[in-house]
N, C-alpha and C. Protein backbone atom coordinates (compact mmCIF):
# COMPACT_ATOMS: atom_id res chain seq x y z
N UNK A 1 -30.93 12.67 48.84
CA UNK A 1 -31.35 11.74 47.82
C UNK A 1 -32.86 11.60 47.89
N UNK A 2 -33.51 11.57 46.75
CA UNK A 2 -34.95 11.38 46.68
C UNK A 2 -35.29 9.90 46.85
N UNK A 3 -36.49 9.65 47.34
CA UNK A 3 -36.97 8.28 47.46
C UNK A 3 -38.23 8.13 46.64
N UNK A 4 -38.36 6.98 46.00
CA UNK A 4 -39.58 6.65 45.27
C UNK A 4 -40.01 5.25 45.67
N UNK A 5 -41.28 4.96 45.50
CA UNK A 5 -41.80 3.63 45.77
C UNK A 5 -42.32 3.05 44.47
N UNK A 6 -41.87 1.85 44.15
CA UNK A 6 -42.32 1.16 42.94
C UNK A 6 -43.06 -0.10 43.33
N UNK A 7 -44.19 -0.32 42.72
CA UNK A 7 -44.92 -1.57 42.90
C UNK A 7 -44.53 -2.50 41.76
N UNK A 8 -43.79 -3.54 42.09
CA UNK A 8 -43.24 -4.46 41.10
C UNK A 8 -43.82 -5.85 41.36
N UNK A 9 -44.26 -6.51 40.31
CA UNK A 9 -44.81 -7.87 40.49
C UNK A 9 -43.79 -8.79 41.15
N UNK A 10 -44.28 -9.67 41.99
CA UNK A 10 -43.40 -10.61 42.66
C UNK A 10 -42.89 -11.65 41.66
N UNK A 11 -41.64 -11.96 41.77
CA UNK A 11 -41.03 -12.97 40.91
C UNK A 11 -39.94 -13.66 41.71
N UNK A 12 -39.74 -14.91 41.43
CA UNK A 12 -38.68 -15.66 42.11
C UNK A 12 -37.32 -15.42 41.48
N UNK A 13 -37.32 -14.79 40.29
CA UNK A 13 -36.08 -14.64 39.53
C UNK A 13 -35.26 -13.43 39.92
N UNK A 14 -35.89 -12.38 40.45
CA UNK A 14 -35.18 -11.14 40.73
C UNK A 14 -35.30 -10.75 42.19
N UNK A 15 -34.23 -10.18 42.71
CA UNK A 15 -34.25 -9.64 44.07
C UNK A 15 -34.18 -8.12 43.97
N UNK A 16 -34.44 -7.42 45.05
CA UNK A 16 -34.49 -5.96 45.00
C UNK A 16 -33.17 -5.35 44.53
N UNK A 17 -32.04 -6.00 44.82
CA UNK A 17 -30.75 -5.48 44.35
C UNK A 17 -30.73 -5.43 42.83
N UNK A 18 -31.30 -6.46 42.17
CA UNK A 18 -31.34 -6.48 40.71
C UNK A 18 -32.08 -5.27 40.16
N UNK A 19 -33.18 -4.90 40.79
CA UNK A 19 -33.95 -3.75 40.32
C UNK A 19 -33.14 -2.47 40.44
N UNK A 20 -32.42 -2.31 41.53
CA UNK A 20 -31.63 -1.09 41.68
C UNK A 20 -30.48 -1.04 40.68
N UNK A 21 -29.90 -2.19 40.38
CA UNK A 21 -28.84 -2.25 39.37
C UNK A 21 -29.39 -1.92 37.99
N UNK A 22 -30.53 -2.52 37.63
CA UNK A 22 -31.13 -2.22 36.32
C UNK A 22 -31.44 -0.74 36.18
N UNK A 23 -32.02 -0.16 37.21
CA UNK A 23 -32.37 1.25 37.16
C UNK A 23 -31.11 2.11 37.06
N UNK A 24 -30.14 1.85 37.91
CA UNK A 24 -28.89 2.63 37.90
C UNK A 24 -28.16 2.48 36.57
N UNK A 25 -28.13 1.26 36.04
CA UNK A 25 -27.44 1.02 34.76
C UNK A 25 -28.09 1.81 33.64
N UNK A 26 -29.40 1.81 33.58
CA UNK A 26 -30.10 2.53 32.52
C UNK A 26 -29.93 4.04 32.67
N UNK A 27 -30.04 4.55 33.89
CA UNK A 27 -29.85 5.98 34.11
C UNK A 27 -28.42 6.41 33.80
N UNK A 28 -27.46 5.54 34.12
CA UNK A 28 -26.06 5.81 33.79
C UNK A 28 -25.85 5.78 32.27
N UNK A 29 -26.40 4.75 31.62
CA UNK A 29 -26.26 4.60 30.18
C UNK A 29 -26.85 5.80 29.43
N UNK A 30 -27.94 6.34 29.94
CA UNK A 30 -28.59 7.50 29.32
C UNK A 30 -27.98 8.83 29.78
N UNK A 31 -26.87 8.77 30.49
CA UNK A 31 -26.14 9.94 30.99
C UNK A 31 -26.98 10.81 31.92
N UNK A 32 -27.91 10.19 32.63
CA UNK A 32 -28.71 10.92 33.61
C UNK A 32 -28.10 10.86 35.00
N UNK A 33 -27.20 9.89 35.21
CA UNK A 33 -26.45 9.78 36.45
C UNK A 33 -24.97 9.59 36.13
N UNK A 34 -24.12 10.11 36.98
CA UNK A 34 -22.69 9.86 36.86
C UNK A 34 -22.39 8.47 37.42
N UNK A 35 -21.17 8.01 37.24
CA UNK A 35 -20.77 6.72 37.79
C UNK A 35 -20.96 6.71 39.30
N UNK A 36 -20.52 7.78 39.95
CA UNK A 36 -20.63 7.86 41.40
C UNK A 36 -22.08 7.88 41.87
N UNK A 37 -22.93 8.62 41.18
CA UNK A 37 -24.35 8.68 41.55
C UNK A 37 -25.03 7.33 41.35
N UNK A 38 -24.71 6.66 40.24
CA UNK A 38 -25.29 5.35 39.97
C UNK A 38 -24.80 4.33 41.01
N UNK A 39 -23.53 4.40 41.35
CA UNK A 39 -23.00 3.50 42.37
C UNK A 39 -23.68 3.74 43.72
N UNK A 40 -23.90 5.00 44.06
CA UNK A 40 -24.58 5.33 45.31
C UNK A 40 -26.00 4.78 45.32
N UNK A 41 -26.69 4.85 44.20
CA UNK A 41 -28.05 4.34 44.09
C UNK A 41 -28.10 2.84 44.40
N UNK A 42 -27.08 2.12 43.99
CA UNK A 42 -27.05 0.67 44.20
C UNK A 42 -26.42 0.26 45.53
N UNK A 43 -25.74 1.20 46.17
CA UNK A 43 -25.05 0.86 47.41
C UNK A 43 -23.70 0.22 47.18
N UNK A 44 -23.19 0.33 45.96
CA UNK A 44 -21.89 -0.23 45.61
C UNK A 44 -20.83 0.87 45.56
N UNK A 45 -19.57 0.46 45.60
CA UNK A 45 -18.49 1.41 45.34
C UNK A 45 -18.48 1.70 43.85
N UNK A 46 -17.83 2.79 43.45
CA UNK A 46 -17.74 3.11 42.02
C UNK A 46 -17.07 1.96 41.27
N UNK A 47 -16.02 1.41 41.84
CA UNK A 47 -15.30 0.32 41.18
C UNK A 47 -16.20 -0.89 40.98
N UNK A 48 -16.94 -1.26 42.02
CA UNK A 48 -17.83 -2.42 41.92
C UNK A 48 -18.93 -2.17 40.90
N UNK A 49 -19.46 -0.95 40.88
CA UNK A 49 -20.50 -0.61 39.90
C UNK A 49 -19.96 -0.75 38.48
N UNK A 50 -18.79 -0.20 38.24
CA UNK A 50 -18.18 -0.28 36.91
C UNK A 50 -17.95 -1.74 36.51
N UNK A 51 -17.46 -2.55 37.44
CA UNK A 51 -17.18 -3.95 37.14
C UNK A 51 -18.45 -4.73 36.79
N UNK A 52 -19.57 -4.41 37.42
CA UNK A 52 -20.80 -5.16 37.20
C UNK A 52 -21.56 -4.71 35.94
N UNK A 53 -21.22 -3.56 35.40
CA UNK A 53 -21.95 -3.03 34.24
C UNK A 53 -21.87 -3.94 33.02
N UNK A 54 -20.77 -4.64 32.84
CA UNK A 54 -20.65 -5.56 31.71
C UNK A 54 -21.70 -6.65 31.75
N UNK A 55 -22.03 -7.12 32.93
CA UNK A 55 -23.06 -8.16 33.09
C UNK A 55 -24.41 -7.66 32.60
N UNK A 56 -24.64 -6.35 32.70
CA UNK A 56 -25.91 -5.77 32.31
C UNK A 56 -25.85 -5.13 30.92
N UNK A 57 -24.76 -5.37 30.20
CA UNK A 57 -24.64 -4.90 28.82
C UNK A 57 -24.43 -3.41 28.67
N UNK A 58 -23.90 -2.76 29.71
CA UNK A 58 -23.68 -1.31 29.67
C UNK A 58 -22.18 -1.05 29.62
N UNK A 59 -21.76 -0.30 28.61
CA UNK A 59 -20.36 0.06 28.49
C UNK A 59 -20.05 1.25 29.39
N UNK A 60 -18.92 1.21 30.05
CA UNK A 60 -18.50 2.34 30.87
C UNK A 60 -17.68 3.33 30.07
N UNK A 61 -17.48 3.01 28.79
CA UNK A 61 -16.74 3.90 27.91
C UNK A 61 -17.72 4.75 27.11
N UNK A 62 -17.51 6.03 27.14
CA UNK A 62 -18.39 6.95 26.43
C UNK A 62 -18.18 6.84 24.93
N UNK A 63 -19.26 6.99 24.19
CA UNK A 63 -19.16 7.03 22.73
C UNK A 63 -19.14 8.46 22.23
N UNK A 64 -19.19 9.41 23.14
CA UNK A 64 -19.18 10.82 22.81
C UNK A 64 -17.73 11.29 22.71
N UNK A 65 -17.35 11.88 21.58
CA UNK A 65 -15.97 12.30 21.35
C UNK A 65 -15.54 13.37 22.36
N UNK A 66 -16.43 14.29 22.69
CA UNK A 66 -16.09 15.33 23.67
C UNK A 66 -15.80 14.73 25.04
N UNK A 67 -16.59 13.73 25.43
CA UNK A 67 -16.34 13.05 26.69
C UNK A 67 -14.97 12.38 26.69
N UNK A 68 -14.63 11.75 25.57
CA UNK A 68 -13.32 11.09 25.46
C UNK A 68 -12.20 12.10 25.59
N UNK A 69 -12.32 13.25 24.93
CA UNK A 69 -11.28 14.29 25.04
C UNK A 69 -11.16 14.78 26.48
N UNK A 70 -12.28 14.96 27.16
CA UNK A 70 -12.24 15.40 28.56
C UNK A 70 -11.63 14.34 29.46
N UNK A 71 -11.94 13.07 29.19
CA UNK A 71 -11.35 11.98 29.98
C UNK A 71 -9.84 11.96 29.82
N UNK A 72 -9.35 12.12 28.59
CA UNK A 72 -7.90 12.13 28.34
C UNK A 72 -7.27 13.34 29.01
N UNK A 73 -7.92 14.48 28.92
CA UNK A 73 -7.40 15.70 29.53
C UNK A 73 -7.31 15.58 31.04
N UNK A 74 -8.29 14.89 31.66
CA UNK A 74 -8.32 14.78 33.12
C UNK A 74 -7.60 13.54 33.65
N UNK A 75 -7.02 12.74 32.77
CA UNK A 75 -6.33 11.51 33.20
C UNK A 75 -5.03 11.82 33.91
């Protein structure tokens, strides 16, 4: 896994876990990370990551028809 360093302004409202969730959620939403990769980035299980995505406004259901067909095929 690659490591990066971000300089983020200090705030009392967010903790470092929030930043990793925001980043993972956006990368997952943009299909740049799989569920498992995004969960690994946050240190959560896949199930926990999926459950928390609603709080961040990210759907775990694909809007791509091909993805839906593949999901049904692999179910």
